[in-house]
């Protein structure tokens, strides 16, 4: 019977990392279990992990800000995305070339 209050407290404190992880796009239930079992580790991990990108978002290769997937121009730095989808390597090469042009001007 002495373990019942401890179980109740671990269930409650497991909610803290679960809420943080849910706000970053991760599964609430799995993080609640993780937080209830290993609270300190789950709390630190949930705070330092990066948010997941949503399906309609992408990262700008020039400034690394999150923009809508349909965006043609980054609203933060003005980087122009190509009309046809390029691979990650092609996008990086394109951004390097545009950077060289800016330096020449």
Protein backbone atom coordinates (compact mmCIF):
# COMPACT_ATOMS: atom_id res chain seq x y z
CA UNK A 1 0.00 0.00 0.00
CA UNK A 2 2.97 2.33 0.36
CA UNK A 3 3.58 2.23 -3.38
CA UNK A 4 0.15 3.64 -4.33
CA UNK A 5 1.01 7.32 -3.59
CA UNK A 6 4.31 6.90 -5.43
CA UNK A 7 2.51 5.44 -8.46
CA UNK A 8 -0.02 8.28 -8.39
CA UNK A 9 2.74 10.92 -8.23
CA UNK A 10 4.70 9.33 -11.09
CA UNK A 11 1.55 9.24 -13.24
CA UNK A 12 0.98 12.95 -12.58
CA UNK A 13 4.55 14.12 -13.14
CA UNK A 14 4.67 12.08 -16.37
CA UNK A 15 2.20 14.61 -17.77
CA UNK A 16 4.83 17.39 -17.79
CA UNK A 17 7.18 15.96 -20.46
CA UNK A 18 4.16 14.57 -22.33
CA UNK A 19 2.62 18.03 -22.72
CA UNK A 20 5.95 19.54 -23.81
CA UNK A 21 6.45 16.77 -26.39
CA UNK A 22 2.88 17.07 -27.68
CA UNK A 23 3.38 20.79 -28.28
CA UNK A 24 6.41 19.89 -30.41
CA UNK A 25 4.43 17.38 -32.49
CA UNK A 26 5.25 14.09 -30.76
CA UNK A 27 2.97 11.35 -29.39
CA UNK A 28 1.46 12.38 -26.03
CA UNK A 29 0.77 8.87 -24.73
CA UNK A 30 4.26 7.50 -25.40
CA UNK A 31 5.88 10.53 -23.79
CA UNK A 32 3.52 10.22 -20.82
CA UNK A 33 4.68 6.64 -20.26
CA UNK A 34 8.31 7.66 -20.69
CA UNK A 35 7.83 10.58 -18.29
CA UNK A 36 6.15 8.42 -15.66
CA UNK A 37 8.94 5.84 -15.81
CA UNK A 38 12.00 8.11 -16.14
CA UNK A 39 10.85 11.62 -15.30
CA UNK A 40 14.16 13.51 -15.14
CA UNK A 41 15.48 12.03 -18.40
CA UNK A 42 12.14 12.52 -20.20
CA UNK A 43 11.84 16.11 -19.00
CA UNK A 44 15.31 17.10 -20.18
CA UNK A 45 14.90 15.27 -23.47
CA UNK A 46 11.49 16.80 -24.18
CA UNK A 47 12.85 20.30 -23.54
CA UNK A 48 15.93 20.01 -25.77
CA UNK A 49 14.45 18.06 -28.71
CA UNK A 50 13.54 19.93 -31.87
CA UNK A 51 9.94 20.24 -33.02
CA UNK A 52 8.76 18.01 -35.86
CA UNK A 53 7.97 19.65 -39.18
CA UNK A 54 4.33 19.49 -40.13
CA UNK A 55 3.36 17.94 -43.47
CA UNK A 56 2.75 21.36 -45.02
CA UNK A 57 6.09 22.86 -43.91
CA UNK A 58 9.69 22.85 -45.14
CA UNK A 59 12.94 24.43 -43.98
CA UNK A 60 14.55 27.21 -45.99
CA UNK A 61 18.06 26.19 -47.03
CA UNK A 62 19.35 29.76 -46.89
CA UNK A 63 18.21 30.88 -43.41
CA UNK A 64 16.88 27.60 -41.90
CA UNK A 65 13.50 29.10 -40.99
CA UNK A 66 10.30 27.06 -41.32
CA UNK A 67 8.03 28.09 -44.23
CA UNK A 68 4.95 26.64 -45.91
CA UNK A 69 5.66 23.84 -48.39
CA UNK A 70 3.89 25.74 -51.21
CA UNK A 71 6.03 28.87 -50.72
CA UNK A 72 7.96 30.03 -53.75
CA UNK A 73 9.97 32.65 -51.81
CA UNK A 74 11.14 32.52 -48.19
CA UNK A 75 9.40 35.26 -46.21
CA UNK A 76 12.40 35.66 -43.92
CA UNK A 77 15.38 35.95 -46.29
CA UNK A 78 13.89 36.14 -49.80
CA UNK A 79 15.40 32.83 -50.99
CA UNK A 80 13.63 31.64 -54.15
CA UNK A 81 12.66 27.97 -54.21
CA UNK A 82 12.71 26.25 -57.59
CA UNK A 83 9.43 25.70 -59.46
CA UNK A 84 10.00 21.96 -59.80
CA UNK A 85 10.87 19.94 -56.71
CA UNK A 86 14.62 19.51 -56.38
CA UNK A 87 16.52 17.06 -54.28
CA UNK A 88 18.16 18.32 -51.09
CA UNK A 89 21.58 18.31 -52.77
CA UNK A 90 20.31 20.31 -55.77
CA UNK A 91 18.73 22.90 -53.45
CA UNK A 92 22.00 23.26 -51.51
CA UNK A 93 23.99 23.69 -54.74
CA UNK A 94 21.52 26.32 -55.94
CA UNK A 95 21.82 28.26 -52.69
CA UNK A 96 25.63 28.16 -52.89
CA UNK A 97 25.53 29.54 -56.44
CA UNK A 98 23.17 32.35 -55.47
CA UNK A 99 25.47 33.18 -52.53
CA UNK A 100 28.44 33.53 -54.89
CA UNK A 101 26.45 35.89 -57.13
CA UNK A 102 25.59 38.09 -54.14
CA UNK A 103 29.26 38.29 -53.14
CA UNK A 104 30.28 39.43 -56.63
CA UNK A 105 27.85 42.35 -56.62
